[in-house]
Structures are given as structure tokens and as C-alpha cells.
């Protein structure tokens, strides 16, 4: 608990540095690009359009539970895209900022938070696209939209724990980045993002629900589409937070143990 409070104080003290570094990272992604930050809007729109065309037009996918497929898909993609972006981007972030990490006064534990801050910009655009689709499809408005903030907090907490562990391990084993890319590809397909988990047998459903990303993806859909409160499935909520707390604690422990050796390896 003391370590957590110390980290929160550090975030507050370095909030301007985190914001500046996140803005710099966003600009670096599109340096020398004519459209610049507009690509943060283009990428999600193109991705959603491609999936919509393949499954709605090509495979003639019917609306799920009277919900237009493109809305159902976008709600799930909004959650998965930012999770994937944070995890993949954080894996190499220590190496990318080696010049800063080698300085003993620089708090390298904030680097995954920098990635989280930059990823939230794209996530905001994804949510804006989702809201436009909800309006265009004339779907009902609800205060349950605000519940998405809870699931976003869930996502960021889980992502931070994973990011700490992967960022630290990747300094010593560079294959970690490649393994993460493969794991995220598998995670994309086993997490019910563009298919309904009810297609599977009850036993397979229980197995797939062990994936903590399912809780978040489903939560976004419950917030924007089906309007279900997060306390309607207490056992799954307890399971998610148990896994997330373990991931956060393990990630913090791994990072703290390996951090003193970063300058020597880098």
C-alpha cells in the first residue's frame, strides 16, 4: 500500500512531464506525415470499416440481439484496441528511452504511464466514433455510458501491471516483444470481439471468460448497448479484480527488482 501511494504521489509530481512525453510520443508517430494526428482518426475508422464490410456485407452477418453488427463490433474494438496498444507499445518503451533510463534521477516506472496517456487519445477518438454510430443507428441514449469509465479504469489497471512486467523483461530478453505480438494476435481471436461467445458450448464459454480482457470488452458493450450494471455479475467482477491485483503486484515487483540493472544492460 505504501508503494502504491508513493507511486501515485510520483504521478502527481511528474504529471507535466508525463503529459509532455505523451504528446511527444504522439507527434513522433506521425513525424513528417502530411496528415499528422488525423491518422489517429483514420486508423480506427478504416479498421472498423474493413471488419464491417467483411462480416456484414461479405458474410451477411445478422444483427446480434437486434443490435447492428457495426455498433456491437465497435464497442468491443474500442476496448481491445487501447489494451493492445498499451501492452505492445509499453514492451519496448524502456529500450526506446534508454538515454533517459540511464540517468539515475529519472523515474523509469512512469514510462508505461506515458504510453497509457498517449493511447488514451486514440481511445477517445474510438469512443467518439462509437457515439456517432449509436446516434446514426438511432439507438437509445443512457447514463450507463458513464459506466464505461469504470471499465476503462479496469483496463488501465490491468494494462499497467502487464506493461511493467513486459517492459522490464524485454530489456533482458528481446524476444519478449515478438512473443507479445503473437500473444496479442491470439488474444484478439479468442476474445469475443467480432463473434458472440454464446456460439460456444457452456464449457468453452467458462474457459474463455477466464480471459480478463473478456470482462472489459463485455463491459463496454454492457455500458453502451445493453445497459447492464457491472454489479450484475459479482463473481466475474471479483475474479477480474483478483487477477488484475495479482498482475499489478507482479508487474511492480518485477520492474522494481530489475530496474537497478537497466543502465548496465542498456
Foldseek 3Di string as FASTA:
>chain_A
DVVVVVVVVVCVVCVVVLVVLLVVVQQVVQPPNPCRNCVLLVVVVVVLVVVCCCCCVVVVDDDDPPHPLSLLLLLLCLLLVLLLQLLLVLLAQCVVVVVQLLDPVRDPLCRSVSSNVNSVVSSVSSVVVSVVVCVVVVHDDDPLLVVLVVLVVLSVLLSSLSSLQNNLVCLVPVCSSVVSVVVSVVVVVLQPNNHDLVVDDPVSSVVSLLPLSNLSSVSSCCSGPVVDDSVVDVVSVVSSVVVSVVSNVNSVVNNVVRSVCNNVSD
